[in-house]
Amino acid sequence: MKKIVAFFIVFLLSQTLTFAQCAMCRATVGSNLSEGRGVIGTGINDGILLMLVFTYLSVPTVIYVWFRTAKKEMRLKMGQQ
């Protein structure tokens, strides 16, 4: 269990680095779009949004798995008593 908690802490800390990099990419793409070069910018914007979606979907998934595991453990404890 400690390994899993440590993994998620490292995972969450690494996400802040990703957000900073995405902000820089977004600013660069914005300047390219204003100059009329939209083909490359559109692809990069789609990639940024894809990373954003997976980040925000991972948090509810972890909460769901944690809740389900806690519920199973509670049932086992109640059954033993």
N, C-alpha and C. Protein backbone atom coordinates (compact mmCIF):
# COMPACT_ATOMS: atom_id res chain seq x y z
N MET A 1 0.82 -1.19 0.00
CA MET A 1 0.00 0.00 0.00
C MET A 1 0.87 1.26 0.00
N LYS A 2 1.98 1.22 0.71
CA LYS A 2 2.87 2.39 0.76
C LYS A 2 3.47 2.68 -0.60
N LYS A 3 3.73 1.62 -1.38
CA LYS A 3 4.28 1.81 -2.72
C LYS A 3 3.27 2.51 -3.62
N ILE A 4 2.01 2.15 -3.47
CA ILE A 4 0.97 2.76 -4.30
C ILE A 4 0.83 4.24 -3.95
N VAL A 5 0.83 4.56 -2.67
CA VAL A 5 0.72 5.95 -2.24
C VAL A 5 1.91 6.75 -2.74
N ALA A 6 3.11 6.17 -2.62
CA ALA A 6 4.32 6.85 -3.10
C ALA A 6 4.25 7.08 -4.61
N PHE A 7 3.73 6.09 -5.34
CA PHE A 7 3.59 6.24 -6.79
C PHE A 7 2.67 7.40 -7.14
N PHE A 8 1.53 7.50 -6.47
CA PHE A 8 0.59 8.56 -6.78
C PHE A 8 1.12 9.94 -6.38
N ILE A 9 1.90 9.99 -5.31
CA ILE A 9 2.51 11.27 -4.94
C ILE A 9 3.49 11.73 -6.01
N VAL A 10 4.33 10.80 -6.47
CA VAL A 10 5.28 11.14 -7.54
C VAL A 10 4.53 11.51 -8.81
N PHE A 11 3.46 10.79 -9.10
CA PHE A 11 2.66 11.06 -10.30
C PHE A 11 2.06 12.47 -10.24
N LEU A 12 1.49 12.83 -9.10
CA LEU A 12 0.89 14.16 -8.96
C LEU A 12 1.93 15.27 -9.02
N LEU A 13 3.10 15.04 -8.44
CA LEU A 13 4.15 16.05 -8.49
C LEU A 13 4.69 16.23 -9.90
N SER A 14 4.71 15.17 -10.68
CA SER A 14 5.21 15.29 -12.05
C SER A 14 4.22 16.03 -12.94
N GLN A 15 2.96 16.07 -12.56
CA GLN A 15 1.95 16.76 -13.36
C GLN A 15 2.16 18.26 -13.39
N THR A 16 2.71 18.83 -12.34
CA THR A 16 2.91 20.27 -12.33
C THR A 16 3.94 20.67 -13.39
N LEU A 17 4.93 19.81 -13.62
CA LEU A 17 5.91 20.09 -14.66
C LEU A 17 5.24 20.07 -16.04
N THR A 18 4.31 19.15 -16.23
CA THR A 18 3.61 19.04 -17.50
C THR A 18 2.76 20.28 -17.75
N PHE A 19 2.08 20.80 -16.72
CA PHE A 19 1.26 21.98 -16.90
C PHE A 19 2.12 23.17 -17.33
N ALA A 20 3.29 23.34 -16.74
CA ALA A 20 4.15 24.47 -17.08
C ALA A 20 4.60 24.37 -18.53
N GLN A 21 4.94 23.17 -18.95
CA GLN A 21 5.39 23.00 -20.32
C GLN A 21 4.24 23.26 -21.29
N CYS A 22 3.05 22.83 -20.96
CA CYS A 22 1.92 23.05 -21.84
C CYS A 22 1.60 24.53 -21.99
N ALA A 23 1.75 25.30 -20.93
CA ALA A 23 1.49 26.74 -21.02
C ALA A 23 2.46 27.41 -21.99
N MET A 24 3.71 26.97 -21.96
CA MET A 24 4.69 27.54 -22.88
C MET A 24 4.36 27.14 -24.32
N CYS A 25 3.98 25.88 -24.52
CA CYS A 25 3.62 25.44 -25.87
C CYS A 25 2.41 26.21 -26.38
N ARG A 26 1.44 26.41 -25.51
CA ARG A 26 0.23 27.12 -25.91
C ARG A 26 0.55 28.56 -26.33
N ALA A 27 1.44 29.23 -25.62
CA ALA A 27 1.82 30.59 -25.98
C ALA A 27 2.51 30.63 -27.34
N THR A 28 3.37 29.65 -27.58
CA THR A 28 4.06 29.58 -28.88
C THR A 28 3.08 29.33 -30.00
N VAL A 29 2.15 28.43 -29.78
CA VAL A 29 1.15 28.13 -30.80
C VAL A 29 0.27 29.36 -31.06
N GLY A 30 -0.07 30.07 -30.01
CA GLY A 30 -0.89 31.27 -30.18
C GLY A 30 -0.22 32.30 -31.05
N SER A 31 1.09 32.46 -30.89
CA SER A 31 1.80 33.42 -31.73
C SER A 31 1.88 32.93 -33.17
N ASN A 32 2.02 31.61 -33.37
CA ASN A 32 2.05 31.07 -34.73
C ASN A 32 0.69 31.20 -35.41
N LEU A 33 -0.38 31.02 -34.64
CA LEU A 33 -1.72 31.15 -35.22
C LEU A 33 -2.00 32.58 -35.64
N SER A 34 -1.50 33.55 -34.87
CA SER A 34 -1.75 34.95 -35.22
C SER A 34 -0.99 35.35 -36.48
N GLU A 35 0.07 34.61 -36.80
CA GLU A 35 0.83 34.89 -38.02
C GLU A 35 0.28 34.17 -39.23
N GLY A 36 -0.76 33.36 -39.04
CA GLY A 36 -1.39 32.68 -40.18
C GLY A 36 -0.90 31.27 -40.41
N ARG A 37 -0.04 30.75 -39.58
CA ARG A 37 0.44 29.37 -39.74
C ARG A 37 -0.35 28.48 -38.79
N GLY A 38 -1.55 28.07 -39.18
CA GLY A 38 -2.46 27.36 -38.28
C GLY A 38 -2.40 25.85 -38.34
N VAL A 39 -1.73 25.27 -39.33
CA VAL A 39 -1.74 23.81 -39.47
C VAL A 39 -0.98 23.16 -38.31
N ILE A 40 0.20 23.64 -38.02
CA ILE A 40 1.00 23.07 -36.93
C ILE A 40 0.36 23.42 -35.59
N GLY A 41 -0.12 24.64 -35.47
CA GLY A 41 -0.71 25.08 -34.21
C GLY A 41 -1.94 24.30 -33.82
N THR A 42 -2.76 23.92 -34.78
CA THR A 42 -3.96 23.15 -34.49
C THR A 42 -3.60 21.78 -33.93
N GLY A 43 -2.60 21.14 -34.51
CA GLY A 43 -2.17 19.82 -34.02
C GLY A 43 -1.62 19.88 -32.61
N ILE A 44 -0.84 20.91 -32.33
CA ILE A 44 -0.28 21.06 -30.98
C ILE A 44 -1.39 21.37 -29.98
N ASN A 45 -2.33 22.21 -30.35
CA ASN A 45 -3.45 22.51 -29.45
C ASN A 45 -4.27 21.26 -29.15
N ASP A 46 -4.48 20.41 -30.15
CA ASP A 46 -5.21 19.16 -29.92
C ASP A 46 -4.43 18.25 -28.95
N GLY A 47 -3.13 18.21 -29.09
CA GLY A 47 -2.30 17.41 -28.18
C GLY A 47 -2.36 17.92 -26.76
N ILE A 48 -2.35 19.23 -26.60
CA ILE A 48 -2.45 19.83 -25.27
C ILE A 48 -3.79 19.49 -24.64
N LEU A 49 -4.86 19.58 -25.39
CA LEU A 49 -6.17 19.25 -24.86
C LEU A 49 -6.28 17.77 -24.51
N LEU A 50 -5.64 16.92 -25.28
CA LEU A 50 -5.65 15.49 -25.00
C LEU A 50 -4.95 15.20 -23.67
N MET A 51 -3.79 15.84 -23.44
CA MET A 51 -3.10 15.66 -22.16
C MET A 51 -3.95 16.18 -21.01
N LEU A 52 -4.65 17.27 -21.22
CA LEU A 52 -5.50 17.84 -20.19
C LEU A 52 -6.63 16.89 -19.83
N VAL A 53 -7.26 16.29 -20.83
CA VAL A 53 -8.37 15.37 -20.58
C VAL A 53 -7.90 14.16 -19.78
N PHE A 54 -6.78 13.57 -20.16
CA PHE A 54 -6.31 12.40 -19.43
C PHE A 54 -5.93 12.73 -18.00
N THR A 55 -5.41 13.92 -17.77
CA THR A 55 -5.07 14.33 -16.41
C THR A 55 -6.32 14.45 -15.56
N TYR A 56 -7.34 15.10 -16.09
CA TYR A 56 -8.56 15.29 -15.32
C TYR A 56 -9.40 14.01 -15.20
N LEU A 57 -9.23 13.06 -16.09
CA LEU A 57 -9.94 11.80 -15.96
C LEU A 57 -9.23 10.84 -15.00
N SER A 58 -7.93 11.02 -14.80
CA SER A 58 -7.21 10.11 -13.91
C SER A 58 -7.60 10.33 -12.45
N VAL A 59 -7.89 11.54 -12.06
CA VAL A 59 -8.25 11.82 -10.66
C VAL A 59 -9.56 11.14 -10.27
N PRO A 60 -10.65 11.27 -11.03
CA PRO A 60 -11.88 10.55 -10.65
C PRO A 60 -11.70 9.03 -10.69
N THR A 61 -10.87 8.54 -11.59
CA THR A 61 -10.62 7.10 -11.66
C THR A 61 -9.94 6.62 -10.40
N VAL A 62 -8.95 7.34 -9.92
CA VAL A 62 -8.25 6.97 -8.69
C VAL A 62 -9.22 7.03 -7.51
N ILE A 63 -10.05 8.04 -7.45
CA ILE A 63 -11.02 8.15 -6.36
C ILE A 63 -12.01 6.98 -6.41
N TYR A 64 -12.47 6.61 -7.58
CA TYR A 64 -13.41 5.49 -7.72
C TYR A 64 -12.77 4.19 -7.26
N VAL A 65 -11.54 3.92 -7.69
CA VAL A 65 -10.87 2.68 -7.30
C VAL A 65 -10.63 2.66 -5.80
N TRP A 66 -10.24 3.78 -5.25
CA TRP A 66 -10.00 3.88 -3.81
C TRP A 66 -11.30 3.63 -3.04
N PHE A 67 -12.39 4.23 -3.48
CA PHE A 67 -13.67 4.04 -2.81
C PHE A 67 -14.12 2.59 -2.89
N ARG A 68 -13.98 1.99 -4.05
CA ARG A 68 -14.40 0.60 -4.23
C ARG A 68 -13.59 -0.35 -3.36
N THR A 69 -12.28 -0.11 -3.27
CA THR A 69 -11.42 -0.94 -2.43
C THR A 69 -11.77 -0.77 -0.96
N ALA A 70 -12.02 0.45 -0.54
CA ALA A 70 -12.39 0.70 0.86
C ALA A 70 -13.72 0.02 1.19
N LYS A 71 -14.63 0.03 0.24
CA LYS A 71 -15.94 -0.60 0.46
C LYS A 71 -15.79 -2.11 0.62
N LYS A 72 -14.94 -2.74 -0.19
CA LYS A 72 -14.69 -4.18 -0.07
C LYS A 72 -14.05 -4.52 1.26
N GLU A 73 -13.08 -3.70 1.68
CA GLU A 73 -12.43 -3.93 2.96
C GLU A 73 -13.42 -3.80 4.11
N MET A 74 -14.32 -2.85 4.03
CA MET A 74 -15.32 -2.65 5.07
C MET A 74 -16.25 -3.87 5.15
N ARG A 75 -16.65 -4.38 3.99
CA ARG A 75 -17.50 -5.57 3.98
C ARG A 75 -16.80 -6.76 4.61
N LEU A 76 -15.50 -6.93 4.31
CA LEU A 76 -14.75 -8.03 4.90
C LEU A 76 -14.64 -7.89 6.41
N LYS A 77 -14.41 -6.68 6.90
CA LYS A 77 -14.31 -6.44 8.34
C LYS A 77 -15.65 -6.70 9.02
N MET A 78 -16.72 -6.28 8.40
CA MET A 78 -18.05 -6.49 8.98
C MET A 78 -18.42 -7.98 8.99
N GLY A 79 -17.97 -8.72 7.98
CA GLY A 79 -18.25 -10.14 7.90
C GLY A 79 -17.49 -10.95 8.93
N GLN A 80 -16.31 -10.49 9.32
CA GLN A 80 -15.49 -11.22 10.28
C GLN A 80 -16.00 -11.02 11.70
N GLN A 81 -16.69 -9.95 11.98
CA GLN A 81 -17.15 -9.67 13.35
C GLN A 81 -18.41 -10.36 13.62
